[in-house]
Amino acid sequence: MGLMSAPLAIALTLVFYELVLLALGWWGRQRTRNAADFFLGGRRLGPLVAAISASASSSSAWTLLSVSGAAYCWGVSAAWLFPACVGGFALNWFLLAPALQRRARSSDALTVTELLAGPADRPLSGTIRRCASLIVLFSFTVYVASQFLGAAKTFASTFGLSIGGSLLLGSTVVVLYTMLGGFWAVSLTDTLQGLLMAAVALLLPVAALVAVGGPLELWQAMGRVEEIRLGGKVIGAAPEIFLSPTRALGPAALGLVLGLLGIGLGYPGQPHVVNRFMALAGDHSELRRSRRIAMGWALVVYGGMLLTGWCGRVLLAPLADQELVFVALTRHLFPPVMAGVMLAAVLSAIMSTADSQLLVAGSSVTVDLGLGGGRRIVFHSRLVVVMLSALAVGLAYFGSQEIFAPVLFAWSALGAAFGPLLLITALRGPVAPTRTLAAMVTGFALSVAAYSMPALKGGVAERVLPFGIALLIASGPLPWPWSRRGEAKTMAKPEGEEADLRERRDR
């Protein structure tokens, strides 16, 4: 071990890392002068910060712990997560980002909800804001609780701490720097965390592949793995299933593939991710640079985590919790200080998502619901961050001890509620108020209903069907009653766009 024990070396590394994050939070506080700075960084994000912070925010503890855990447990069939997630990145950056950047600037909206609901005098604007805010607060409570649980599992497995103490430790740091600097702090820390995640996603799987003996040896060893059971539950597939690309045949195989690919549909509907597009500075060339960085990041991180899970199944003794394969493999391959850096990457994935979600939750209450306006809007937002964090800690402690399913539920529910509306709004223009409300509520309700039924949970009914129906309602093919007069008023071009068109015609 050298001069210090492994837990002490890891602890010192993590303490240094957390101090850096808090320093960035304090620096971000100096740049936060008003609500636009607190919620969107004054719309001045550069391409690197926008790309990496958006990527890190969309890639939570689920990415490092659950994707590697799925590969460890399922085998080759987990590879479907790669096109699902990378495809979601492409959907966001190629289709949504350019249009959303323009729309957000022309409307001067600070939040996704504000963009969808429109001005306060628009029909149903208040109802849309209230429904959207409740959906955000409910989904983010589940989502943040899963992030805090991921941090707790990491601390508990490394230092032997209790889950309760680990939850308090991990959540306190996130809350502190989010409250300090708002969007600037969140974006800067997310950029640092995203870069660390990418570095680890390169280093860990390469080291693991070398330890296995190379790609050919890995494939041969994957064909010799033994089934792992715990309490009658299979947590590690047998060889014939481990090497199967679908784990099943016929309709079941199709359902598995579509269910996993459906994860990608959730990307456009994540308020804590797409608000980076609203904050991006510069012209289309800056957006292209951001897009290249983000797509490269996704290829490295998701490919790396799949390889980590497969190598972990070959190199490690059977694990009772497959979502800890990342942590176990890190400690197996690296000395204590390097292990500390690797574990900091897990915390990075957790914090880069939780901080963004807490910030958006604060804006939902203060901006969208109008419960903290005036000069004290930032103070009230910070208060919401504390309250939601406390609720999430309680849910993490008393609720399910699994990360994978709750994260994907919250992800799919947000994606079905907001994704179709954002795509139609950004690409075609405002959606009629009744269709906006109907699409939002229908998408969310169908996701909740499917998750509540064991037979439908985790498949097409949860991740694809709600999105598809909401998209049909928002785009127009499905009939929905509303007055033609109200529709005409809603679909009229915003005043700023009309002025811009008039100016171009005059020229």
Foldseek 3Di string as FASTA:
>chain_A
DPPDDLLVLLVVLLVVLLVVLLVLLQVLLVQDDDPLCQQQVVLEDFLLLLQQLLLLQVFFLCLQQVLLLCCLAQAQQSCLLQCLALVLLCCCLVFQLVLLQVQCVLQVDRFLLCSQLDDPPAPCSLVSLVVVLVLLLVLLLLQLLLLLLLQLVLCCVSPVDDSLVSSVVLLVSLLSSCLRRHPSSLSVLSSVLSVLLLVLLQPLLVLLCVVQPHDVSLVVLLLVFDFDDDPNRTSHDHNVRNPDNQSDDDPSSVFSSLLSSLLSLLSQLDRLNSSSSNSHDDDVVSSVSSSVVNSVSSNSSNVSSSSQSSSLSRPDDDDPRSSCSQLVSLPVRDGSNSSSSSSVSSSSSSSSNSSSSLSNSLCSVCPSNVPQDDPCSSVSSSVSSVVSSVSSSVCSVPHDSDNNQSNSLSSQLSSQQGVLQSSCCSPPRHFQSVLNVVSNVQLNVQLVVQCVDPVRRSTCSNRPVSNVVSNCSRVPVDDDDDDPVSRVVRRDDDPSVVVVVVVVVVD
